[in-house]
Amino acid sequence: MVEKTYNVGIYCRLSNDDERDGESVSIENQKLLLQNYVRQRGWNEYDTYIDDGYSGTNFDRPGVQRLIEDAKAKRINLILVKDLSRFGRNYIEFGQYTDYLFPSLGCRFIALNNGIDTMRDDGSTDVMCFLNLFNEFYSRDTSKKVKAVKRACAESGKFMGTYPAYGYKRDPEDKHHLVIDEETAPTVRRIFAMRATGAGFRAIATALNEEGIPSPGTLYYQRKGRSDPRQVNHKWADATVKQIIRSEVYIGNMVQGKAGTLSYKSRKLINKPEEEWIRVEGTHEAIISRELWDTVASIDQRQIRKNGATDGCKSMFTGLVYCADCGFKMRNHTEKFTYKDGRPGRYSSFICGNYARSGKSACTIHTIYENVLAQLVLADIREKAAFAEHDPERLAQQITHLKEKETRSRLALYEQELKAAASRLAELERLMQNLYEDKCTGAIPQTAFQTLMRKYEQERAEKAEALPELERKVKAHRGNQQDASRWAGIIKRYTEVTELDDAMLLALVDRIEVGETKRVHGVKVCDVKVYYRYVGNVDDALAQERREQYEQAV
């Protein structure tokens, strides 16, 4: 009987998720072993198909796809691999090929080290399904271990990404640590500084493009000495600017684990909810200050847009001024006029947005000229700064005291409840342990044990559920003192300012409320309240401080 002529397709694969046992699993050794096997039997080696760096958990690999196409085209009629795991580690897809496709094509399949040969009827293929299943279990277990190691590294603050954020580079002495890139860090600082003045994302991107500053992607390929293969315009985009501005990496925090795969079989990334992100603070040197970060974050939260007026001028107060009565944002209104000598002039004022939209039935006009508003706000800032410069710690304590006056007894109760809940939890754990020991020694019957255990377990669950909320309330209480101290430290820098600007206003002020104009003794007056970031309105605290200073002087 003449032996059938075989045109052999040799398949080799190696990837990072496979166990590398030295030289025995290298691509070249796999290939040499299989070629010798083919030559010893006098078969024809048609081609070698290689996938290096591809996972075996799916069959979307160039080498294996080319192998299958050649099998369908009858160019090969025997597929030879070192072992089953080289061809793939997906139990279901593997079976589709070896049990259905290859037999229908008359293609023989041999896994050399496993002793698998689909042409033999000695029962060697009976164990193939079990081996494939074990191979898949191995991939699943490896995936879990790799993810666990990566998560542990991320939780310890190590950088686990592929490319450092723009403005940073890998530490030459530790690839998991970031250091500032002095070439690009100034651009990051400028982006944040522009945003702190109210500039939009697109305006920032346009300015960077006009100055010819390379975008992050373009700079990456320039440093590699390669041409950029991406089909993009190689310019800064508003999305790129937004991504930089909203990244905590620039204040020294590492935030990782924002995305992950659906399973070990899929490479598709999905975004994770924010509560699952891994955030570690103070892992590397910050490029910008926390104060600047807070300013930019507050602009995003308030959705401030510094759009220019129709005549090209813009107001620094846009997005900050609110009607004190209805709460609507106030609109910037401009009026043009001509001086007697022919020079053009303009008035800039703010009116209630609710009134502007719906008329007197909604609210009153609440108008105030911008130059008057600027004088009032500047005077308020200087007044607060003078108090803060005199004794910032005392002022912070005064603000904290008044802010907490109404809730002090409630917060003391929270602290007491927190202490009692923690103590009771420890006591319940001890009672449950003693109860279990009494049950084992026969000191109490089974029914009594079950009844008491259910009671203790229910109470323990209730206390454990209440603890986080109590801790949050106590933390918020203590945070008031930190915010007041931070505000006092910032405001005291502005004792000598003579003019307001965008950066100062956005750094200090959260909102400004304008009341309706009234006549008092023939003079028009309106109530303007300035709410500062971190502490809100502090007029009551300053009034208390004035009274105490007066009493001390007397």
Protein backbone atom coordinates (compact mmCIF):
# COMPACT_ATOMS: atom_id res chain seq x y z
CA MET A 1 0.00 0.00 0.00
CA VAL A 2 1.44 3.40 -1.03
CA GLU A 3 1.51 5.92 1.83
CA LYS A 4 -0.42 9.10 1.24
CA THR A 5 1.66 12.15 0.36
CA TYR A 6 1.41 14.86 3.00
CA ASN A 7 1.96 18.56 2.47
CA VAL A 8 2.63 19.72 6.01
CA GLY A 9 1.86 23.06 7.57
CA ILE A 10 4.04 23.58 10.65
CA TYR A 11 2.53 25.88 13.26
CA CYS A 12 4.53 27.55 16.08
CA ARG A 13 3.38 30.03 18.71
CA LEU A 14 4.84 31.79 21.71
CA SER A 15 3.26 34.46 23.91
CA ASN A 16 3.74 36.12 27.27
CA ASP A 17 0.84 34.18 28.80
CA ASP A 18 2.55 30.84 28.10
CA GLU A 19 5.04 29.31 30.50
CA ARG A 20 8.52 29.79 29.07
CA ASP A 21 10.63 26.80 30.10
CA GLY A 22 13.89 28.11 28.73
CA GLU A 23 15.00 27.18 25.23
CA SER A 24 12.52 24.30 24.91
CA VAL A 25 9.61 26.55 24.01
CA SER A 26 11.37 29.14 21.85
CA ILE A 27 10.03 29.63 18.35
CA GLU A 28 13.23 28.38 16.72
CA ASN A 29 13.34 25.22 18.84
CA GLN A 30 9.68 24.48 18.15
CA LYS A 31 10.31 24.89 14.43
CA LEU A 32 13.49 22.76 14.43
CA LEU A 33 11.80 19.93 16.35
CA LEU A 34 8.83 19.79 13.97
CA GLN A 35 10.96 20.08 10.81
CA ASN A 36 13.08 17.12 11.92
CA TYR A 37 9.88 15.13 12.51
CA VAL A 38 8.66 15.93 8.97
CA ARG A 39 12.00 15.03 7.33
CA GLN A 40 12.24 11.71 9.21
CA ARG A 41 8.93 10.62 7.67
CA GLY A 42 9.67 11.89 4.19
CA TRP A 43 6.77 14.38 4.14
CA ASN A 44 6.76 17.68 2.27
CA GLU A 45 7.09 20.84 4.34
CA TYR A 46 4.78 23.30 2.61
CA ASP A 47 5.18 26.29 4.95
CA THR A 48 5.78 27.40 8.55
CA TYR A 49 3.16 29.51 10.27
CA ILE A 50 4.31 31.57 13.25
CA ASP A 51 2.50 33.71 15.83
CA ASP A 52 4.97 35.32 18.22
CA GLY A 53 3.53 37.41 21.05
CA TYR A 54 -0.10 36.34 20.54
CA SER A 55 -2.28 34.82 23.23
CA GLY A 56 -3.73 31.36 22.65
CA THR A 57 -7.08 32.27 24.24
CA ASN A 58 -8.52 33.21 20.83
CA PHE A 59 -7.84 32.28 17.21
CA ASP A 60 -7.74 35.80 15.82
CA ARG A 61 -4.05 35.45 14.97
CA PRO A 62 -2.46 36.10 11.58
CA GLY A 63 -0.44 32.88 11.52
CA VAL A 64 -3.28 30.54 12.43
CA GLN A 65 -5.69 32.32 10.06
CA ARG A 66 -3.27 31.89 7.15
CA LEU A 67 -2.86 28.22 8.13
CA ILE A 68 -6.62 27.66 8.03
CA GLU A 69 -6.96 29.40 4.66
CA ASP A 70 -4.27 27.13 3.17
CA ALA A 71 -6.05 24.09 4.61
CA LYS A 72 -9.35 25.19 3.04
CA ALA A 73 -7.56 25.75 -0.29
CA LYS A 74 -6.15 22.16 -0.12
CA ARG A 75 -2.58 23.46 -0.16
CA ILE A 76 -1.85 21.49 3.02
CA ASN A 77 -3.41 18.29 4.32
CA LEU A 78 -1.52 17.87 7.61
CA ILE A 79 -1.14 20.35 10.46
CA LEU A 80 1.75 19.72 12.85
CA VAL A 81 2.20 21.46 16.23
CA LYS A 82 4.50 20.85 19.17
CA ASP A 83 1.58 20.42 21.62
CA LEU A 84 -2.10 21.32 21.86
CA SER A 85 -1.47 24.51 23.84
CA ARG A 86 0.63 25.90 20.94
CA PHE A 87 -2.39 25.78 18.62
CA GLY A 88 -4.73 27.36 21.17
CA ARG A 89 -6.08 27.47 24.71
CA ASN A 90 -9.75 28.06 23.96
CA TYR A 91 -11.62 24.80 24.59
CA ILE A 92 -14.70 25.56 22.47
CA GLU A 93 -12.97 27.09 19.43
CA PHE A 94 -10.28 24.42 19.47
CA GLY A 95 -12.92 21.70 19.22
CA GLN A 96 -14.61 23.47 16.29
CA TYR A 97 -11.42 23.12 14.29
CA THR A 98 -10.18 19.66 15.32
CA ASP A 99 -13.57 17.94 15.52
CA TYR A 100 -15.40 19.54 12.59
CA LEU A 101 -13.42 21.74 10.20
CA PHE A 102 -10.21 19.76 9.76
CA PRO A 103 -11.95 16.35 9.33
CA SER A 104 -14.34 17.88 6.76
CA LEU A 105 -11.32 19.13 4.79
CA GLY A 106 -9.51 15.80 5.04
CA CYS A 107 -6.75 17.51 6.99
CA ARG A 108 -4.79 15.48 9.52
CA PHE A 109 -3.84 17.08 12.86
CA ILE A 110 -0.84 16.04 14.99
CA ALA A 111 0.18 17.40 18.40
CA LEU A 112 3.60 15.84 18.78
CA ASN A 113 4.31 16.01 22.52
CA ASN A 114 0.74 15.03 23.48
CA GLY A 115 0.74 11.94 21.24
CA ILE A 116 -2.38 13.24 19.45
CA ASP A 117 -2.93 12.12 15.85
CA THR A 118 -6.44 12.40 14.37
CA MET A 119 -5.67 9.69 11.76
CA ARG A 120 -5.00 7.01 14.36
CA ASP A 121 -7.89 5.07 15.85
CA ASP A 122 -6.04 3.83 18.93
CA GLY A 123 -7.98 6.12 21.25
CA SER A 124 -5.24 8.76 21.50
CA THR A 125 -7.70 11.51 20.56
CA ASP A 126 -10.11 10.56 23.36
CA VAL A 127 -8.11 12.55 25.89
CA MET A 128 -7.75 15.59 23.61
CA CYS A 129 -10.88 17.29 24.96
CA PHE A 130 -9.59 16.95 28.53
CA LEU A 131 -6.17 18.30 27.61
CA ASN A 132 -7.79 21.27 25.87
CA LEU A 133 -9.91 21.92 28.93
CA PHE A 134 -6.84 21.86 31.19
CA ASN A 135 -5.06 24.26 28.81
CA GLU A 136 -7.96 26.70 29.08
CA PHE A 137 -7.97 26.39 32.87
CA TYR A 138 -4.27 27.22 32.80
CA SER A 139 -4.93 30.41 30.81
CA ARG A 140 -7.72 31.41 33.16
CA ASP A 141 -5.54 30.82 36.21
CA THR A 142 -2.59 32.68 34.67
CA SER A 143 -4.86 35.61 33.82
CA LYS A 144 -6.10 35.83 37.41
CA LYS A 145 -2.56 35.73 38.77
CA VAL A 146 -1.32 38.40 36.36
CA LYS A 147 -4.27 40.69 37.16
CA ALA A 148 -3.73 40.18 40.89
CA VAL A 149 -0.04 41.10 40.61
CA LYS A 150 -0.79 44.17 38.48
CA ARG A 151 -3.51 45.32 40.89
CA ALA A 152 -1.21 44.88 43.88
CA CYS A 153 1.48 46.94 42.13
CA ALA A 154 -1.06 49.64 41.21
CA GLU A 155 -2.35 49.77 44.80
CA SER A 156 1.20 50.32 46.02
CA GLY A 157 1.48 53.35 43.72
CA LYS A 158 3.62 51.82 40.99
CA PHE A 159 3.09 53.05 37.44
CA MET A 160 1.75 50.10 35.42
CA GLY A 161 0.89 51.88 32.17
CA THR A 162 2.56 51.59 28.79
CA TYR A 163 3.21 55.28 28.13
CA PRO A 164 3.77 57.93 30.84
CA ALA A 165 1.42 60.92 30.81
CA TYR A 166 2.48 63.95 28.78
CA GLY A 167 4.81 65.97 31.00
CA TYR A 168 6.37 62.90 32.62
CA LYS A 169 8.83 60.17 31.74
CA ARG A 170 9.92 56.93 33.37
CA ASP A 171 12.52 57.14 36.08
CA PRO A 172 15.75 55.65 34.61
CA GLU A 173 16.34 53.86 37.91
CA ASP A 174 12.77 52.56 38.34
CA LYS A 175 10.45 52.01 35.38
CA HIS A 176 7.42 51.99 37.73
CA HIS A 177 8.15 55.52 38.97
CA LEU A 178 7.51 58.78 37.09
CA VAL A 179 9.74 61.84 37.00
CA ILE A 180 9.04 65.24 35.45
CA ASP A 181 9.95 65.67 31.78
CA GLU A 182 11.49 69.14 31.77
CA GLU A 183 10.88 69.52 28.04
CA THR A 184 7.10 69.10 28.15
CA ALA A 185 6.23 70.06 31.76
CA PRO A 186 6.18 73.83 30.94
CA THR A 187 3.48 73.17 28.35
CA VAL A 188 1.40 71.33 30.97
CA ARG A 189 1.76 74.26 33.37
CA ARG A 190 0.73 76.66 30.65
CA ILE A 191 -2.36 74.59 29.78
CA PHE A 192 -3.51 74.69 33.40
CA ALA A 193 -2.70 78.39 33.74
CA MET A 194 -4.76 79.22 30.62
CA ARG A 195 -7.67 77.13 31.87
CA ALA A 196 -7.48 78.87 35.26
CA THR A 197 -8.27 82.16 33.48
CA GLY A 198 -11.38 80.60 31.95
CA ALA A 199 -9.94 79.72 28.51
CA GLY A 200 -11.83 76.94 26.73
CA PHE A 201 -10.32 73.61 25.66
CA ARG A 202 -10.43 74.51 21.97
CA ALA A 203 -8.91 77.95 22.58
CA ILE A 204 -6.00 76.34 24.44
CA ALA A 205 -5.48 73.76 21.66
CA THR A 206 -5.58 76.51 19.01
CA ALA A 207 -2.95 78.57 20.87
CA LEU A 208 -0.61 75.56 21.14
CA ASN A 209 -1.04 74.74 17.45
CA GLU A 210 -0.37 78.33 16.39
CA GLU A 211 2.91 78.27 18.30
CA GLY A 212 3.93 75.00 16.66
CA ILE A 213 4.14 72.97 19.89
CA PRO A 214 4.06 69.25 18.93
CA SER A 215 1.07 67.30 20.18
CA PRO A 216 1.75 64.35 22.57
CA GLY A 217 1.36 61.74 19.81
CA THR A 218 3.55 63.63 17.35
CA LEU A 219 6.25 64.18 19.98
CA TYR A 220 6.27 60.46 20.80
CA TYR A 221 7.16 59.47 17.23
CA GLN A 222 9.65 62.33 16.89
CA ARG A 223 11.55 61.02 19.89
CA LYS A 224 11.45 57.51 18.44
CA GLY A 225 12.90 58.83 15.18
CA ARG A 226 9.96 57.39 13.24
CA SER A 227 7.27 58.86 11.04
CA ASP A 228 3.78 58.99 12.60
CA PRO A 229 1.73 56.21 10.92
CA ARG A 230 -1.60 57.43 12.30
CA GLN A 231 -4.16 58.90 9.92
CA VAL A 232 -4.66 62.07 11.98
CA ASN A 233 -3.86 65.75 11.52
CA HIS A 234 -1.03 65.60 14.11
CA LYS A 235 -2.40 68.68 15.92
CA TRP A 236 -3.57 69.47 19.42
CA ALA A 237 -7.28 68.81 19.87
CA ASP A 238 -9.71 69.98 22.54
CA ALA A 239 -10.14 66.34 23.67
CA THR A 240 -6.37 66.09 24.30
CA VAL A 241 -6.38 69.28 26.35
CA LYS A 242 -9.42 68.11 28.33
CA GLN A 243 -7.74 64.78 29.10
CA ILE A 244 -4.66 66.56 30.47
CA ILE A 245 -6.65 69.04 32.56
CA ARG A 246 -8.73 66.29 34.19
CA SER A 247 -5.82 63.97 35.02
CA GLU A 248 -4.75 63.80 38.68
CA VAL A 249 -1.29 62.63 37.65
CA TYR A 250 -0.23 66.30 37.49
CA ILE A 251 -0.78 66.81 41.25
CA GLY A 252 1.27 63.72 42.09
CA ASN A 253 -1.55 61.17 42.26
CA MET A 254 -1.60 57.86 40.41
CA VAL A 255 -5.04 56.84 39.14
CA GLN A 256 -5.06 53.47 37.37
CA GLY A 257 -7.45 50.64 36.57
CA LYS A 258 -9.89 52.89 34.69
CA ALA A 259 -10.43 50.22 32.04
CA GLY A 260 -10.15 46.44 31.78
CA THR A 261 -11.02 43.47 29.60
CA LEU A 262 -14.31 41.60 29.76
CA SER A 263 -12.51 38.30 30.35
CA TYR A 264 -9.20 36.57 29.71
CA LYS A 265 -10.55 35.50 26.29
CA SER A 266 -11.26 39.04 25.08
CA ARG A 267 -8.88 41.90 24.41
CA LYS A 268 -11.69 44.45 24.16
CA LEU A 269 -11.35 47.17 26.79
CA ILE A 270 -14.33 48.45 28.75
CA ASN A 271 -14.45 51.50 31.03
CA LYS A 272 -14.84 50.76 34.75
CA PRO A 273 -16.96 52.81 37.18
CA GLU A 274 -15.01 55.41 39.15
CA GLU A 275 -15.47 53.57 42.46
CA GLU A 276 -13.36 50.71 41.03
CA TRP A 277 -10.43 52.92 40.02
CA ILE A 278 -7.18 52.54 41.95
CA ARG A 279 -6.14 55.93 43.32
CA VAL A 280 -2.90 56.44 45.26
CA GLU A 281 -1.85 59.94 46.33
CA GLY A 282 1.66 61.37 46.44
CA THR A 283 3.38 58.76 44.27
CA HIS A 284 5.56 61.22 42.33
CA GLU A 285 6.47 64.90 42.09
CA ALA A 286 3.60 67.18 41.05
CA ILE A 287 3.86 69.50 38.05
CA ILE A 288 1.17 71.93 39.23
CA SER A 289 0.04 73.05 42.68
CA ARG A 290 -3.05 71.71 44.41
CA GLU A 291 -4.42 75.26 44.50
CA LEU A 292 -4.24 75.57 40.70
CA TRP A 293 -5.80 72.11 40.31
CA ASP A 294 -8.70 73.09 42.57
CA THR A 295 -9.24 76.28 40.57
CA VAL A 296 -9.40 74.42 37.28
CA ALA A 297 -11.64 71.73 38.77
CA SER A 298 -14.06 74.38 40.06
CA ILE A 299 -14.25 75.93 36.59
CA ASP A 300 -15.22 72.56 35.15
CA GLN A 301 -17.83 71.98 37.86
CA ARG A 302 -19.41 75.39 37.33
CA GLN A 303 -19.13 75.04 33.52
CA ILE A 304 -17.73 78.55 33.20
CA ARG A 305 -17.26 79.68 29.62
CA LYS A 306 -15.51 82.97 29.02
CA ASN A 307 -17.16 83.84 25.73
CA GLY A 308 -16.43 87.29 24.39
CA ALA A 309 -19.14 89.90 24.03
CA THR A 310 -20.36 91.01 20.61
CA ASP A 311 -17.84 93.85 20.54
CA GLY A 312 -14.93 91.52 21.29
CA CYS A 313 -14.64 92.33 25.01
CA LYS A 314 -15.26 89.72 27.65
CA SER A 315 -16.22 90.03 31.29
CA MET A 316 -14.17 88.37 33.99
CA PHE A 317 -17.37 87.87 36.02
CA THR A 318 -19.14 85.71 33.43
CA GLY A 319 -20.39 82.50 35.04
CA LEU A 320 -19.76 83.76 38.59
CA VAL A 321 -22.61 86.22 39.20
CA TYR A 322 -26.02 85.00 40.42
CA CYS A 323 -29.29 86.65 41.32
CA ALA A 324 -29.66 86.65 45.12
CA ASP A 325 -33.43 86.21 44.95
CA CYS A 326 -34.17 83.62 42.24
CA GLY A 327 -30.73 81.97 41.98
CA PHE A 328 -30.41 82.34 38.18
CA LYS A 329 -27.09 83.25 36.60
CA MET A 330 -26.89 86.91 35.64
CA ARG A 331 -26.32 87.87 32.02
CA ASN A 332 -23.65 90.26 30.82
CA HIS A 333 -25.28 93.19 29.04
CA THR A 334 -23.34 95.82 27.06
CA GLU A 335 -24.38 99.28 25.91
CA LYS A 336 -22.48 101.43 23.45
CA PHE A 337 -22.35 105.20 23.45
CA THR A 338 -20.27 108.03 22.05
CA TYR A 339 -18.40 110.64 24.05
CA LYS A 340 -18.74 114.33 23.18
CA ASP A 341 -15.35 114.26 21.49
CA GLY A 342 -16.49 111.41 19.22
CA ARG A 343 -14.71 108.56 21.01
CA PRO A 344 -16.70 105.31 21.29
CA GLY A 345 -17.54 104.05 24.77
CA ARG A 346 -19.37 101.15 26.33
CA TYR A 347 -21.15 100.21 29.54
CA SER A 348 -20.96 96.63 30.80
CA SER A 349 -23.51 95.47 33.34
CA PHE A 350 -25.18 92.33 34.65
CA ILE A 351 -28.90 91.64 34.84
CA CYS A 352 -30.85 88.68 36.22
CA GLY A 353 -30.98 85.90 33.62
CA ASN A 354 -34.46 84.89 34.75
CA TYR A 355 -35.71 88.47 34.23
CA ALA A 356 -33.98 88.72 30.84
CA ARG A 357 -35.65 85.53 29.68
CA SER A 358 -39.17 85.82 31.14
CA GLY A 359 -39.67 89.42 32.27
CA LYS A 360 -41.02 90.92 35.51
CA SER A 361 -43.31 87.97 36.18
CA ALA A 362 -40.22 85.81 36.82
CA CYS A 363 -37.95 88.21 38.74
CA THR A 364 -36.74 91.81 38.87
CA ILE A 365 -33.81 93.20 36.93
CA HIS A 366 -31.17 93.15 39.72
CA THR A 367 -28.85 95.24 37.54
CA ILE A 368 -25.31 96.23 38.52
CA TYR A 369 -22.55 97.82 36.44
CA GLU A 370 -19.43 95.73 36.00
CA ASN A 371 -17.05 98.45 37.14
CA VAL A 372 -19.07 98.89 40.36
CA LEU A 373 -19.12 95.12 40.90
CA ALA A 374 -15.34 94.99 40.38
CA GLN A 375 -14.78 97.71 43.00
CA LEU A 376 -17.00 95.95 45.54
CA VAL A 377 -15.43 92.54 45.02
CA LEU A 378 -11.89 93.94 45.12
CA ALA A 379 -12.66 95.76 48.36
CA ASP A 380 -14.13 92.58 49.83
CA ILE A 381 -11.06 90.54 48.86
CA ARG A 382 -8.68 93.11 50.36
CA GLU A 383 -10.70 93.25 53.57
CA LYS A 384 -10.63 89.47 53.95
CA ALA A 385 -6.94 89.41 53.06
CA ALA A 386 -6.12 91.98 55.75
CA PHE A 387 -7.83 89.90 58.42
CA ALA A 388 -6.12 86.73 57.19
CA GLU A 389 -2.70 88.40 57.18
CA HIS A 390 -3.15 89.63 60.74
CA ASP A 391 -3.91 86.23 62.29
CA PRO A 392 -4.77 83.48 59.75
CA GLU A 393 -5.06 80.71 62.33
CA ARG A 394 -7.51 82.65 64.48
CA LEU A 395 -9.60 83.65 61.47
CA ALA A 396 -9.72 80.03 60.29
CA GLN A 397 -10.88 78.96 63.72
CA GLN A 398 -13.52 81.70 63.74
CA ILE A 399 -14.83 80.60 60.32
CA THR A 400 -14.85 76.96 61.36
CA HIS A 401 -16.62 77.82 64.60
CA LEU A 402 -19.41 79.73 62.88
CA LYS A 403 -19.77 77.18 60.09
CA GLU A 404 -20.24 74.43 62.63
CA LYS A 405 -22.24 76.36 65.21
CA GLU A 406 -25.56 74.91 64.16
CA THR A 407 -24.23 71.41 63.67
CA ARG A 408 -21.68 71.16 66.46
CA SER A 409 -23.94 69.13 68.76
CA ARG A 410 -24.94 66.89 65.86
CA LEU A 411 -21.32 66.26 64.88
CA ALA A 412 -20.43 65.45 68.49
CA LEU A 413 -23.27 62.94 68.39
CA TYR A 414 -21.83 61.44 65.18
CA GLU A 415 -18.45 60.99 66.85
CA GLN A 416 -20.10 59.40 69.87
CA GLU A 417 -22.15 57.10 67.63
CA LEU A 418 -19.05 56.15 65.65
CA LYS A 419 -17.14 55.24 68.79
CA ALA A 420 -20.07 53.26 70.18
CA ALA A 421 -20.64 51.41 66.89
CA ALA A 422 -16.98 50.42 66.59
CA SER A 423 -16.94 49.24 70.19
CA ARG A 424 -20.14 47.23 69.72
CA LEU A 425 -18.77 45.59 66.58
CA ALA A 426 -15.73 44.34 68.47
CA GLU A 427 -17.98 43.11 71.26
CA LEU A 428 -20.25 41.26 68.80
CA GLU A 429 -17.27 39.53 67.22
CA ARG A 430 -16.22 38.33 70.68
CA LEU A 431 -19.76 37.19 71.57
CA MET A 432 -20.11 35.25 68.31
CA GLN A 433 -16.77 33.55 68.88
CA ASN A 434 -17.71 32.58 72.46
CA LEU A 435 -21.11 31.38 71.28
CA TYR A 436 -19.51 29.11 68.69
CA GLU A 437 -17.15 27.67 71.31
CA ASP A 438 -20.11 27.01 73.69
CA LYS A 439 -21.94 25.23 70.87
CA CYS A 440 -18.91 23.02 70.14
CA THR A 441 -18.55 22.07 73.81
CA GLY A 442 -22.28 21.40 74.14
CA ALA A 443 -22.83 24.20 76.66
CA ILE A 444 -25.86 25.45 74.72
CA PRO A 445 -28.30 23.54 72.47
CA GLN A 446 -28.28 23.89 68.67
CA THR A 447 -31.57 25.82 68.55
CA ALA A 448 -30.38 28.44 71.03
CA PHE A 449 -27.10 28.75 69.15
CA GLN A 450 -28.88 29.40 65.84
CA THR A 451 -31.27 31.96 67.38
CA LEU A 452 -28.51 33.94 69.10
CA MET A 453 -26.19 33.70 66.11
CA ARG A 454 -28.85 35.13 63.76
CA LYS A 455 -29.51 37.96 66.24
CA TYR A 456 -25.81 38.83 66.60
CA GLU A 457 -25.18 38.54 62.86
CA GLN A 458 -28.07 40.88 62.04
CA GLU A 459 -26.86 43.48 64.54
CA ARG A 460 -23.28 43.14 63.30
CA ALA A 461 -24.39 43.72 59.70
CA GLU A 462 -26.37 46.82 60.71
CA LYS A 463 -23.44 48.30 62.64
CA ALA A 464 -21.00 47.51 59.83
CA GLU A 465 -23.29 49.21 57.32
CA ALA A 466 -23.65 52.34 59.48
CA LEU A 467 -19.92 52.77 60.15
CA PRO A 468 -18.86 54.17 56.70
CA GLU A 469 -21.55 56.85 56.80
CA LEU A 470 -20.60 57.91 60.33
CA GLU A 471 -16.93 58.04 59.33
CA ARG A 472 -17.83 60.19 56.30
CA LYS A 473 -19.74 62.67 58.46
CA VAL A 474 -16.93 62.94 60.99
CA LYS A 475 -14.38 63.36 58.19
CA ALA A 476 -16.49 66.11 56.62
CA HIS A 477 -16.60 67.87 60.01
CA ARG A 478 -12.82 67.79 60.31
CA GLY A 479 -12.48 68.85 56.68
CA ASN A 480 -14.12 72.20 57.48
CA GLN A 481 -11.11 73.14 59.60
CA GLN A 482 -8.66 72.17 56.83
CA ASP A 483 -10.63 74.14 54.21
CA ALA A 484 -10.73 77.24 56.42
CA SER A 485 -6.96 77.08 57.00
CA ARG A 486 -6.30 76.57 53.29
CA TRP A 487 -8.50 79.57 52.42
CA ALA A 488 -6.81 81.80 54.99
CA GLY A 489 -3.42 80.83 53.57
CA ILE A 490 -4.49 81.76 50.03
CA ILE A 491 -6.46 84.96 50.67
CA LYS A 492 -3.74 86.70 52.69
CA ARG A 493 -1.60 87.01 49.54
CA TYR A 494 -3.97 89.62 48.15
CA THR A 495 -3.69 92.46 50.70
CA GLU A 496 -1.96 94.82 48.25
CA VAL A 497 -3.83 94.03 45.02
CA THR A 498 -5.14 97.09 43.18
CA GLU A 499 -6.93 95.48 40.27
CA LEU A 500 -8.92 92.32 39.65
CA ASP A 501 -8.11 89.86 36.88
CA ASP A 502 -9.52 86.56 35.63
CA ALA A 503 -6.94 84.36 37.34
CA MET A 504 -7.40 86.02 40.76
CA LEU A 505 -11.17 85.91 40.56
CA LEU A 506 -11.40 82.27 39.54
CA ALA A 507 -8.79 81.24 42.11
CA LEU A 508 -10.64 82.89 45.00
CA VAL A 509 -14.34 83.22 44.25
CA ASP A 510 -16.92 80.50 43.95
CA ARG A 511 -19.95 82.73 43.27
CA ILE A 512 -21.22 86.26 43.74
CA GLU A 513 -24.83 87.01 44.65
CA VAL A 514 -26.33 90.38 43.74
CA GLY A 515 -29.48 91.64 45.46
CA GLU A 516 -32.05 94.04 44.07
CA THR A 517 -31.14 97.76 44.09
CA LYS A 518 -32.90 99.80 46.76
CA ARG A 519 -32.94 103.49 47.70
CA VAL A 520 -31.70 104.30 51.19
CA HIS A 521 -31.77 108.02 52.09
CA GLY A 522 -31.88 108.88 48.42
CA VAL A 523 -28.90 106.68 47.55
CA LYS A 524 -29.08 103.51 45.44
CA VAL A 525 -27.61 100.52 47.24
CA CYS A 526 -27.64 96.76 46.66
CA ASP A 527 -26.43 93.84 48.72
CA VAL A 528 -23.51 91.95 47.15
CA LYS A 529 -22.31 88.74 48.82
CA VAL A 530 -19.06 87.09 47.79
CA TYR A 531 -18.83 83.32 48.35
CA TYR A 532 -15.25 82.13 48.45
CA ARG A 533 -13.94 78.74 47.50
CA TYR A 534 -13.49 76.32 50.40
CA VAL A 535 -15.41 78.47 52.95
CA GLY A 536 -18.33 80.23 51.25
CA ASN A 537 -19.43 83.60 52.67
CA VAL A 538 -17.38 84.63 55.71
CA ASP A 539 -18.93 87.99 56.57
CA ASP A 540 -20.42 86.65 59.80
CA ALA A 541 -17.00 85.35 60.85
CA LEU A 542 -15.40 88.74 60.20
CA ALA A 543 -18.16 90.51 62.10
CA GLN A 544 -17.46 88.26 65.08
CA GLU A 545 -13.73 88.96 64.72
CA ARG A 546 -14.38 92.73 64.71
CA ARG A 547 -16.48 92.47 67.87
CA GLU A 548 -13.77 90.50 69.68
CA GLN A 549 -11.07 92.96 68.59
CA TYR A 550 -13.20 95.86 69.83
CA GLU A 551 -13.82 94.18 73.17
CA GLN A 552 -10.10 93.54 73.61
CA ALA A 553 -9.30 97.17 72.75
CA VAL A 554 -11.85 98.46 75.28
